[in-house]
Amino acid sequence: MIRSNLSVVQKIARPKKELTQVYVYYTRSRVRKMEEQAAEIQHLRQAQEEMRHSQEEMRQEQGVIKEQLATIMGMLQRLSGEKAPAENTQAQENKIAVKS
């Protein structure tokens, strides 16, 4: 009878140990997934910041191109005999020459 009681106690004790191991494995698995997600989020934030920087550079380039176009249009109007808008001054023409 004592043996049968010991085997019952051992049987009861084993699942608890196995559950703990399963829980630890489950927890490690979740931690690993969370770490992977955190790394992915960091990568996405970095990519987003690079995109913002690129967009800002494109806006600046667009502004420069608009200025150059306005100056060129003023030159063309003067060459064709029309009056150039007041915005197109010699200074803007010099800017175009320097950048070219």
PDB file of N, CA and C in Angstrom:
ATOM      1  N   MET A   1       0.800  -1.199   0.000  1.00  0.00           N
ATOM      2  CA  MET A   1       0.000   0.000   0.000  1.00  0.00           C
ATOM      3  C   MET A   1       0.846   1.267   0.000  1.00  0.00           C
ATOM      4  N   ILE A   2       1.904   1.211   0.681  1.00  0.00           N
ATOM      5  CA  ILE A   2       2.764   2.387   0.691  1.00  0.00           C
ATOM      6  C   ILE A   2       3.302   2.659  -0.711  1.00  0.00           C
ATOM      7  N   ARG A   3       3.661   1.587  -1.399  1.00  0.00           N
ATOM      8  CA  ARG A   3       4.177   1.756  -2.763  1.00  0.00           C
ATOM      9  C   ARG A   3       3.121   2.393  -3.666  1.00  0.00           C
ATOM     10  N   SER A   4       1.906   1.934  -3.569  1.00  0.00           N
ATOM     11  CA  SER A   4       0.869   2.490  -4.433  1.00  0.00           C
ATOM     12  C   SER A   4       0.653   3.966  -4.125  1.00  0.00           C
ATOM     13  N   ASN A   5       0.747   4.337  -2.866  1.00  0.00           N
ATOM     14  CA  ASN A   5       0.611   5.748  -2.512  1.00  0.00           C
ATOM     15  C   ASN A   5       1.763   6.571  -3.084  1.00  0.00           C
ATOM     16  N   LEU A   6       2.955   6.007  -3.054  1.00  0.00           N
ATOM     17  CA  LEU A   6       4.104   6.725  -3.605  1.00  0.00           C
ATOM     18  C   LEU A   6       3.965   6.909  -5.108  1.00  0.00           C
ATOM     19  N   SER A   7       3.486   5.882  -5.771  1.00  0.00           N
ATOM     20  CA  SER A   7       3.342   6.013  -7.219  1.00  0.00           C
ATOM     21  C   SER A   7       2.279   7.059  -7.566  1.00  0.00           C
ATOM     22  N   VAL A   8       1.240   7.147  -6.778  1.00  0.00           N
ATOM     23  CA  VAL A   8       0.220   8.175  -7.010  1.00  0.00           C
ATOM     24  C   VAL A   8       0.826   9.552  -6.793  1.00  0.00           C
ATOM     25  N   VAL A   9       1.595   9.704  -5.750  1.00  0.00           N
ATOM     26  CA  VAL A   9       2.244  10.987  -5.479  1.00  0.00           C
ATOM     27  C   VAL A   9       3.207  11.327  -6.607  1.00  0.00           C
ATOM     28  N   GLN A  10       3.957  10.348  -7.059  1.00  0.00           N
ATOM     29  CA  GLN A  10       4.888  10.588  -8.160  1.00  0.00           C
ATOM     30  C   GLN A  10       4.135  10.963  -9.440  1.00  0.00           C
ATOM     31  N   LYS A  11       3.027  10.289  -9.694  1.00  0.00           N
ATOM     32  CA  LYS A  11       2.238  10.603 -10.879  1.00  0.00           C
ATOM     33  C   LYS A  11       1.683  12.029 -10.804  1.00  0.00           C
ATOM     34  N   ILE A  12       1.270  12.424  -9.649  1.00  0.00           N
ATOM     35  CA  ILE A  12       0.737  13.780  -9.475  1.00  0.00           C
ATOM     36  C   ILE A  12       1.855  14.810  -9.624  1.00  0.00           C
ATOM     37  N   ALA A  13       3.022  14.502  -9.101  1.00  0.00           N
ATOM     38  CA  ALA A  13       4.138  15.446  -9.144  1.00  0.00           C
ATOM     39  C   ALA A  13       4.685  15.621 -10.560  1.00  0.00           C
ATOM     40  N   ARG A  14       4.681  14.609 -11.352  1.00  0.00           N
ATOM     41  CA  ARG A  14       5.259  14.692 -12.701  1.00  0.00           C
ATOM     42  C   ARG A  14       4.539  15.707 -13.599  1.00  0.00           C
ATOM     43  N   PRO A  15       3.231  15.666 -13.688  1.00  0.00           N
ATOM     44  CA  PRO A  15       2.579  16.639 -14.571  1.00  0.00           C
ATOM     45  C   PRO A  15       2.881  18.085 -14.184  1.00  0.00           C
ATOM     46  N   LYS A  16       2.989  18.351 -12.888  1.00  0.00           N
ATOM     47  CA  LYS A  16       3.303  19.719 -12.467  1.00  0.00           C
ATOM     48  C   LYS A  16       4.667  20.138 -12.999  1.00  0.00           C
ATOM     49  N   LYS A  17       5.618  19.239 -12.919  1.00  0.00           N
ATOM     50  CA  LYS A  17       6.951  19.549 -13.420  1.00  0.00           C
ATOM     51  C   LYS A  17       6.895  19.768 -14.932  1.00  0.00           C
ATOM     52  N   GLU A  18       6.182  18.921 -15.629  1.00  0.00           N
ATOM     53  CA  GLU A  18       6.076  19.053 -17.075  1.00  0.00           C
ATOM     54  C   GLU A  18       5.332  20.335 -17.453  1.00  0.00           C
ATOM     55  N   LEU A  19       4.308  20.677 -16.712  1.00  0.00           N
ATOM     56  CA  LEU A  19       3.589  21.914 -16.992  1.00  0.00           C
ATOM     57  C   LEU A  19       4.497  23.125 -16.814  1.00  0.00           C
ATOM     58  N   THR A  20       5.336  23.074 -15.812  1.00  0.00           N
ATOM     59  CA  THR A  20       6.278  24.170 -15.593  1.00  0.00           C
ATOM     60  C   THR A  20       7.217  24.287 -16.780  1.00  0.00           C
ATOM     61  N   GLN A  21       7.699  23.161 -17.265  1.00  0.00           N
ATOM     62  CA  GLN A  21       8.595  23.191 -18.416  1.00  0.00           C
ATOM     63  C   GLN A  21       7.869  23.723 -19.651  1.00  0.00           C
ATOM     64  N   VAL A  22       6.639  23.292 -19.819  1.00  0.00           N
ATOM     65  CA  VAL A  22       5.845  23.777 -20.948  1.00  0.00           C
ATOM     66  C   VAL A  22       5.628  25.277 -20.813  1.00  0.00           C
ATOM     67  N   TYR A  23       5.323  25.734 -19.607  1.00  0.00           N
ATOM     68  CA  TYR A  23       5.101  27.151 -19.370  1.00  0.00           C
ATOM     69  C   TYR A  23       6.367  27.957 -19.668  1.00  0.00           C
ATOM     70  N   VAL A  24       7.507  27.455 -19.204  1.00  0.00           N
ATOM     71  CA  VAL A  24       8.769  28.149 -19.456  1.00  0.00           C
ATOM     72  C   VAL A  24       9.038  28.212 -20.958  1.00  0.00           C
ATOM     73  N   TYR A  25       8.812  27.117 -21.658  1.00  0.00           N
ATOM     74  CA  TYR A  25       9.007  27.096 -23.110  1.00  0.00           C
ATOM     75  C   TYR A  25       8.056  28.090 -23.778  1.00  0.00           C
ATOM     76  N   TYR A  26       6.802  28.087 -23.340  1.00  0.00           N
ATOM     77  CA  TYR A  26       5.794  28.986 -23.894  1.00  0.00           C
ATOM     78  C   TYR A  26       6.201  30.439 -23.651  1.00  0.00           C
ATOM     79  N   THR A  27       6.668  30.719 -22.444  1.00  0.00           N
ATOM     80  CA  THR A  27       7.083  32.075 -22.104  1.00  0.00           C
ATOM     81  C   THR A  27       8.283  32.493 -22.951  1.00  0.00           C
ATOM     82  N   ARG A  28       9.263  31.610 -23.100  1.00  0.00           N
ATOM     83  CA  ARG A  28      10.433  31.933 -23.921  1.00  0.00           C
ATOM     84  C   ARG A  28      10.019  32.175 -25.366  1.00  0.00           C
ATOM     85  N   SER A  29       9.089  31.367 -25.837  1.00  0.00           N
ATOM     86  CA  SER A  29       8.610  31.522 -27.208  1.00  0.00           C
ATOM     87  C   SER A  29       7.939  32.882 -27.387  1.00  0.00           C
ATOM     88  N   ARG A  30       7.129  33.264 -26.423  1.00  0.00           N
ATOM     89  CA  ARG A  30       6.454  34.571 -26.503  1.00  0.00           C
ATOM     90  C   ARG A  30       7.456  35.709 -26.424  1.00  0.00           C
ATOM     91  N   VAL A  31       8.442  35.559 -25.538  1.00  0.00           N
ATOM     92  CA  VAL A  31       9.464  36.600 -25.414  1.00  0.00           C
ATOM     93  C   VAL A  31      10.224  36.735 -26.730  1.00  0.00           C
ATOM     94  N   ARG A  32      10.561  35.620 -27.352  1.00  0.00           N
ATOM     95  CA  ARG A  32      11.276  35.642 -28.629  1.00  0.00           C
ATOM     96  C   ARG A  32      10.431  36.346 -29.696  1.00  0.00           C
ATOM     97  N   LYS A  33       9.138  36.017 -29.731  1.00  0.00           N
ATOM     98  CA  LYS A  33       8.253  36.664 -30.708  1.00  0.00           C
ATOM     99  C   LYS A  33       8.156  38.165 -30.449  1.00  0.00           C
ATOM    100  N   MET A  34       8.071  38.539 -29.176  1.00  0.00           N
ATOM    101  CA  MET A  34       7.987  39.957 -28.832  1.00  0.00           C
ATOM    102  C   MET A  34       9.273  40.686 -29.223  1.00  0.00           C
ATOM    103  N   GLU A  35      10.417  40.040 -29.015  1.00  0.00           N
ATOM    104  CA  GLU A  35      11.688  40.646 -29.407  1.00  0.00           C
ATOM    105  C   GLU A  35      11.752  40.825 -30.918  1.00  0.00           C
ATOM    106  N   GLU A  36      11.271  39.829 -31.661  1.00  0.00           N
ATOM    107  CA  GLU A  36      11.254  39.930 -33.121  1.00  0.00           C
ATOM    108  C   GLU A  36      10.338  41.062 -33.570  1.00  0.00           C
ATOM    109  N   GLN A  37       9.187  41.183 -32.918  1.00  0.00           N
ATOM    110  CA  GLN A  37       8.258  42.259 -33.260  1.00  0.00           C
ATOM    111  C   GLN A  37       8.866  43.622 -32.944  1.00  0.00           C
ATOM    112  N   ALA A  38       9.557  43.717 -31.813  1.00  0.00           N
ATOM    113  CA  ALA A  38      10.193  44.983 -31.445  1.00  0.00           C
ATOM    114  C   ALA A  38      11.263  45.361 -32.470  1.00  0.00           C
ATOM    115  N   ALA A  39      12.033  44.382 -32.926  1.00  0.00           N
ATOM    116  CA  ALA A  39      13.055  44.649 -33.941  1.00  0.00           C
ATOM    117  C   ALA A  39      12.407  45.091 -35.253  1.00  0.00           C
ATOM    118  N   GLU A  40      11.300  44.462 -35.611  1.00  0.00           N
ATOM    119  CA  GLU A  40      10.595  44.831 -36.842  1.00  0.00           C
ATOM    120  C   GLU A  40      10.028  46.248 -36.738  1.00  0.00           C
ATOM    121  N   ILE A  41       9.480  46.581 -35.585  1.00  0.00           N
ATOM    122  CA  ILE A  41       8.947  47.930 -35.367  1.00  0.00           C
ATOM    123  C   ILE A  41      10.066  48.958 -35.480  1.00  0.00           C
ATOM    124  N   GLN A  42      11.213  48.660 -34.887  1.00  0.00           N
ATOM    125  CA  GLN A  42      12.356  49.573 -34.962  1.00  0.00           C
ATOM    126  C   GLN A  42      12.787  49.771 -36.415  1.00  0.00           C
ATOM    127  N   HIS A  43      12.819  48.678 -37.166  1.00  0.00           N
ATOM    128  CA  HIS A  43      13.196  48.757 -38.582  1.00  0.00           C
ATOM    129  C   HIS A  43      12.194  49.620 -39.356  1.00  0.00           C
ATOM    130  N   LEU A  44      10.903  49.429 -39.089  1.00  0.00           N
ATOM    131  CA  LEU A  44       9.871  50.208 -39.779  1.00  0.00           C
ATOM    132  C   LEU A  44       9.955  51.691 -39.425  1.00  0.00           C
ATOM    133  N   ARG A  45      10.249  51.996 -38.171  1.00  0.00           N
ATOM    134  CA  ARG A  45      10.389  53.400 -37.765  1.00  0.00           C
ATOM    135  C   ARG A  45      11.572  54.049 -38.478  1.00  0.00           C
ATOM    136  N   GLN A  46      12.655  53.297 -38.587  1.00  0.00           N
ATOM    137  CA  GLN A  46      13.835  53.810 -39.273  1.00  0.00           C
ATOM    138  C   GLN A  46      13.525  54.066 -40.751  1.00  0.00           C
ATOM    139  N   ALA A  47      12.827  53.137 -41.375  1.00  0.00           N
ATOM    140  CA  ALA A  47      12.454  53.297 -42.784  1.00  0.00           C
ATOM    141  C   ALA A  47      11.525  54.501 -42.958  1.00  0.00           C
ATOM    142  N   GLN A  48      10.608  54.679 -42.017  1.00  0.00           N
ATOM    143  CA  GLN A  48       9.680  55.811 -42.079  1.00  0.00           C
ATOM    144  C   GLN A  48      10.444  57.135 -41.961  1.00  0.00           C
ATOM    145  N   GLU A  49      11.418  57.181 -41.074  1.00  0.00           N
ATOM    146  CA  GLU A  49      12.217  58.394 -40.905  1.00  0.00           C
ATOM    147  C   GLU A  49      13.012  58.699 -42.175  1.00  0.00           C
ATOM    148  N   GLU A  50      13.559  57.668 -42.802  1.00  0.00           N
ATOM    149  CA  GLU A  50      14.286  57.863 -44.058  1.00  0.00           C
ATOM    150  C   GLU A  50      13.356  58.392 -45.146  1.00  0.00           C
ATOM    151  N   MET A  51      12.123  57.888 -45.180  1.00  0.00           N
ATOM    152  CA  MET A  51      11.154  58.367 -46.171  1.00  0.00           C
ATOM    153  C   MET A  51      10.818  59.836 -45.934  1.00  0.00           C
ATOM    154  N   ARG A  52      10.649  60.224 -44.688  1.00  0.00           N
ATOM    155  CA  ARG A  52      10.356  61.630 -44.375  1.00  0.00           C
ATOM    156  C   ARG A  52      11.503  62.520 -44.842  1.00  0.00           C
ATOM    157  N   HIS A  53      12.723  62.057 -44.586  1.00  0.00           N
ATOM    158  CA  HIS A  53      13.897  62.826 -44.989  1.00  0.00           C
ATOM    159  C   HIS A  53      13.934  62.970 -46.512  1.00  0.00           C
ATOM    160  N   SER A  54      13.666  61.895 -47.222  1.00  0.00           N
ATOM    161  CA  SER A  54      13.655  61.923 -48.691  1.00  0.00           C
ATOM    162  C   SER A  54      12.571  62.862 -49.211  1.00  0.00           C
ATOM    163  N   GLN A  55      11.406  62.826 -48.582  1.00  0.00           N
ATOM    164  CA  GLN A  55      10.317  63.711 -49.005  1.00  0.00           C
ATOM    165  C   GLN A  55      10.696  65.176 -48.810  1.00  0.00           C
ATOM    166  N   GLU A  56      11.362  65.478 -47.699  1.00  0.00           N
ATOM    167  CA  GLU A  56      11.781  66.853 -47.443  1.00  0.00           C
ATOM    168  C   GLU A  56      12.792  67.305 -48.495  1.00  0.00           C
ATOM    169  N   GLU A  57      13.725  66.425 -48.840  1.00  0.00           N
ATOM    170  CA  GLU A  57      14.698  66.765 -49.884  1.00  0.00           C
ATOM    171  C   GLU A  57      13.997  67.010 -51.220  1.00  0.00           C
ATOM    172  N   MET A  58      13.010  66.187 -51.536  1.00  0.00           N
ATOM    173  CA  MET A  58      12.276  66.353 -52.793  1.00  0.00           C
ATOM    174  C   MET A  58      11.510  67.669 -52.805  1.00  0.00           C
ATOM    175  N   ARG A  59      10.932  68.063 -51.677  1.00  0.00           N
ATOM    176  CA  ARG A  59      10.217  69.348 -51.601  1.00  0.00           C
ATOM    177  C   ARG A  59      11.175  70.510 -51.848  1.00  0.00           C
ATOM    178  N   GLN A  60      12.364  70.418 -51.247  1.00  0.00           N
ATOM    179  CA  GLN A  60      13.346  71.482 -51.446  1.00  0.00           C
ATOM    180  C   GLN A  60      13.769  71.557 -52.913  1.00  0.00           C
ATOM    181  N   GLU A  61      14.021  70.408 -53.519  1.00  0.00           N
ATOM    182  CA  GLU A  61      14.398  70.377 -54.932  1.00  0.00           C
ATOM    183  C   GLU A  61      13.272  70.923 -55.805  1.00  0.00           C
ATOM    184  N   GLN A  62      12.040  70.602 -55.448  1.00  0.00           N
ATOM    185  CA  GLN A  62      10.891  71.089 -56.212  1.00  0.00           C
ATOM    186  C   GLN A  62      10.826  72.617 -56.153  1.00  0.00           C
ATOM    187  N   GLY A  63      11.096  73.181 -54.975  1.00  0.00           N
ATOM    188  CA  GLY A  63      11.097  74.641 -54.842  1.00  0.00           C
ATOM    189  C   GLY A  63      12.166  75.284 -55.710  1.00  0.00           C
ATOM    190  N   VAL A  64      13.344  74.681 -55.733  1.00  0.00           N
ATOM    191  CA  VAL A  64      14.434  75.207 -56.559  1.00  0.00           C
ATOM    192  C   VAL A  64      14.056  75.134 -58.034  1.00  0.00           C
ATOM    193  N   ILE A  65      13.473  74.019 -58.433  1.00  0.00           N
ATOM    194  CA  ILE A  65      13.071  73.850 -59.838  1.00  0.00           C
ATOM    195  C   ILE A  65      12.012  74.883 -60.221  1.00  0.00           C
ATOM    196  N   LYS A  66      11.066  75.150 -59.319  1.00  0.00           N
ATOM    197  CA  LYS A  66      10.034  76.156 -59.612  1.00  0.00           C
ATOM    198  C   LYS A  66      10.661  77.534 -59.796  1.00  0.00           C
ATOM    199  N   GLU A  67      11.629  77.879 -58.930  1.00  0.00           N
ATOM    200  CA  GLU A  67      12.311  79.167 -59.062  1.00  0.00           C
ATOM    201  C   GLU A  67      13.031  79.257 -60.403  1.00  0.00           C
ATOM    202  N   GLN A  68      13.732  78.190 -60.758  1.00  0.00           N
ATOM    203  CA  GLN A  68      14.465  78.183 -62.023  1.00  0.00           C
ATOM    204  C   GLN A  68      13.506  78.307 -63.204  1.00  0.00           C
ATOM    205  N   LEU A  69      12.392  77.606 -63.144  1.00  0.00           N
ATOM    206  CA  LEU A  69      11.405  77.660 -64.221  1.00  0.00           C
ATOM    207  C   LEU A  69      10.832  79.069 -64.362  1.00  0.00           C
ATOM    208  N   ALA A  70      10.526  79.706 -63.238  1.00  0.00           N
ATOM    209  CA  ALA A  70       9.981  81.066 -63.286  1.00  0.00           C
ATOM    210  C   ALA A  70      10.993  82.020 -63.911  1.00  0.00           C
ATOM    211  N   THR A  71      12.254  81.866 -63.560  1.00  0.00           N
ATOM    212  CA  THR A  71      13.295  82.727 -64.122  1.00  0.00           C
ATOM    213  C   THR A  71      13.447  82.492 -65.620  1.00  0.00           C
ATOM    214  N   ILE A  72      13.441  81.245 -66.017  1.00  0.00           N
ATOM    215  CA  ILE A  72      13.562  80.912 -67.442  1.00  0.00           C
ATOM    216  C   ILE A  72      12.369  81.457 -68.221  1.00  0.00           C
ATOM    217  N   MET A  73      11.179  81.312 -67.645  1.00  0.00           N
ATOM    218  CA  MET A  73       9.983  81.847 -68.311  1.00  0.00           C
ATOM    219  C   MET A  73      10.097  83.366 -68.471  1.00  0.00           C
ATOM    220  N   GLY A  74      10.634  84.035 -67.460  1.00  0.00           N
ATOM    221  CA  GLY A  74      10.842  85.489 -67.549  1.00  0.00           C
ATOM    222  C   GLY A  74      11.810  85.848 -68.660  1.00  0.00           C
ATOM    223  N   MET A  75      12.885  85.087 -68.767  1.00  0.00           N
ATOM    224  CA  MET A  75      13.855  85.327 -69.842  1.00  0.00           C
ATOM    225  C   MET A  75      13.202  85.138 -71.212  1.00  0.00           C
ATOM    226  N   LEU A  76      12.420  84.076 -71.338  1.00  0.00           N
ATOM    227  CA  LEU A  76      11.747  83.802 -72.614  1.00  0.00           C
ATOM    228  C   LEU A  76      10.758  84.907 -72.968  1.00  0.00           C
ATOM    229  N   GLN A  77      10.049  85.404 -71.967  1.00  0.00           N
ATOM    230  CA  GLN A  77       9.085  86.480 -72.219  1.00  0.00           C
ATOM    231  C   GLN A  77       9.801  87.737 -72.691  1.00  0.00           C
ATOM    232  N   ARG A  78      10.942  88.037 -72.073  1.00  0.00           N
ATOM    233  CA  ARG A  78      11.709  89.211 -72.487  1.00  0.00           C
ATOM    234  C   ARG A  78      12.248  89.043 -73.905  1.00  0.00           C
ATOM    235  N   LEU A  79      12.694  87.836 -74.201  1.00  0.00           N
ATOM    236  CA  LEU A  79      13.221  87.579 -75.546  1.00  0.00           C
ATOM    237  C   LEU A  79      12.128  87.699 -76.607  1.00  0.00           C
ATOM    238  N   SER A  80      10.925  87.309 -76.244  1.00  0.00           N
ATOM    239  CA  SER A  80       9.822  87.385 -77.212  1.00  0.00           C
ATOM    240  C   SER A  80       9.184  88.770 -77.246  1.00  0.00           C
ATOM    241  N   GLY A  81       9.639  89.682 -76.387  1.00  0.00           N
ATOM    242  CA  GLY A  81       9.150  91.052 -76.424  1.00  0.00           C
ATOM    243  C   GLY A  81       8.074  91.356 -75.405  1.00  0.00           C
ATOM    244  N   GLU A  82       7.626  90.379 -74.642  1.00  0.00           N
ATOM    245  CA  GLU A  82       6.607  90.642 -73.625  1.00  0.00           C
ATOM    246  C   GLU A  82       7.279  91.181 -72.372  1.00  0.00           C
ATOM    247  N   LYS A  83       6.465  91.833 -71.540  1.00  0.00           N
ATOM    248  CA  LYS A  83       7.000  92.356 -70.287  1.00  0.00           C
ATOM    249  C   LYS A  83       7.127  91.206 -69.290  1.00  0.00           C
ATOM    250  N   ALA A  84       8.284  91.072 -68.661  1.00  0.00           N
ATOM    251  CA  ALA A  84       8.525  90.007 -67.686  1.00  0.00           C
ATOM    252  C   ALA A  84       7.883  90.377 -66.356  1.00  0.00           C
ATOM    253  N   PRO A  85       7.393  89.398 -65.610  1.00  0.00           N
ATOM    254  CA  PRO A  85       6.843  89.684 -64.279  1.00  0.00           C
ATOM    255  C   PRO A  85       7.915  90.277 -63.367  1.00  0.00           C
ATOM    256  N   ALA A  86       7.485  91.026 -62.367  1.00  0.00           N
ATOM    257  CA  ALA A  86       8.417  91.694 -61.461  1.00  0.00           C
ATOM    258  C   ALA A  86       9.269  90.700 -60.670  1.00  0.00           C
ATOM    259  N   GLU A  87       8.776  89.480 -60.492  1.00  0.00           N
ATOM    260  CA  GLU A  87       9.508  88.485 -59.698  1.00  0.00           C
ATOM    261  C   GLU A  87      10.820  88.080 -60.358  1.00  0.00           C
ATOM    262  N   ASN A  88      10.868  88.132 -61.683  1.00  0.00           N
ATOM    263  CA  ASN A  88      12.045  87.655 -62.411  1.00  0.00           C
ATOM    264  C   ASN A  88      13.066  88.781 -62.540  1.00  0.00           C
ATOM    265  N   THR A  89      13.980  88.812 -61.619  1.00  0.00           N
ATOM    266  CA  THR A  89      14.988  89.866 -61.612  1.00  0.00           C
ATOM    267  C   THR A  89      16.316  89.309 -62.088  1.00  0.00           C
ATOM    268  N   GLN A  90      17.258  90.208 -62.218  1.00  0.00           N
ATOM    269  CA  GLN A  90      18.603  89.804 -62.624  1.00  0.00           C
ATOM    270  C   GLN A  90      19.219  88.875 -61.576  1.00  0.00           C
ATOM    271  N   ALA A  91      18.896  89.073 -60.310  1.00  0.00           N
ATOM    272  CA  ALA A  91      19.444  88.225 -59.242  1.00  0.00           C
ATOM    273  C   ALA A  91      19.006  86.778 -59.430  1.00  0.00           C
ATOM    274  N   GLN A  92      17.752  86.570 -59.813  1.00  0.00           N
ATOM    275  CA  GLN A  92      17.276  85.204 -60.043  1.00  0.00           C
ATOM    276  C   GLN A  92      17.968  84.592 -61.250  1.00  0.00           C
ATOM    277  N   GLU A  93      18.204  85.391 -62.260  1.00  0.00           N
ATOM    278  CA  GLU A  93      18.910  84.887 -63.436  1.00  0.00           C
ATOM    279  C   GLU A  93      20.330  84.476 -63.059  1.00  0.00           C
ATOM    280  N   ASN A  94      20.940  85.253 -62.175  1.00  0.00           N
ATOM    281  CA  ASN A  94      22.286  84.912 -61.711  1.00  0.00           C
ATOM    282  C   ASN A  94      22.275  83.612 -60.905  1.00  0.00           C
ATOM    283  N   LYS A  95      21.227  83.389 -60.118  1.00  0.00           N
ATOM    284  CA  LYS A  95      21.096  82.137 -59.355  1.00  0.00           C
ATOM    285  C   LYS A  95      21.097  80.944 -60.297  1.00  0.00           C
ATOM    286  N   ILE A  96      20.338  81.059 -61.370  1.00  0.00           N
ATOM    287  CA  ILE A  96      20.255  79.971 -62.354  1.00  0.00           C
ATOM    288  C   ILE A  96      21.629  79.717 -62.956  1.00  0.00           C
ATOM    289  N   ALA A  97      22.321  80.782 -63.309  1.00  0.00           N
ATOM    290  CA  ALA A  97      23.634  80.635 -63.932  1.00  0.00           C
ATOM    291  C   ALA A  97      24.615  79.966 -62.970  1.00  0.00           C
ATOM    292  N   VAL A  98      24.553  80.329 -61.702  1.00  0.00           N
ATOM    293  CA  VAL A  98      25.457  79.748 -60.700  1.00  0.00           C
ATOM    294  C   VAL A  98      25.151  78.272 -60.487  1.00  0.00           C
ATOM    295  N   LYS A  99      23.880  77.894 -60.416  1.00  0.00           N
ATOM    296  CA  LYS A  99      23.490  76.505 -60.159  1.00  0.00           C
ATOM    297  C   LYS A  99      23.735  75.604 -61.358  1.00  0.00           C
ATOM    298  N   SER A 100      23.704  76.162 -62.534  1.00  0.00           N
ATOM    299  CA  SER A 100      23.865  75.352 -63.754  1.00  0.00           C
ATOM    300  C   SER A 100      25.276  74.891 -63.964  1.00  0.00           C
TER     301      SER A 100
END
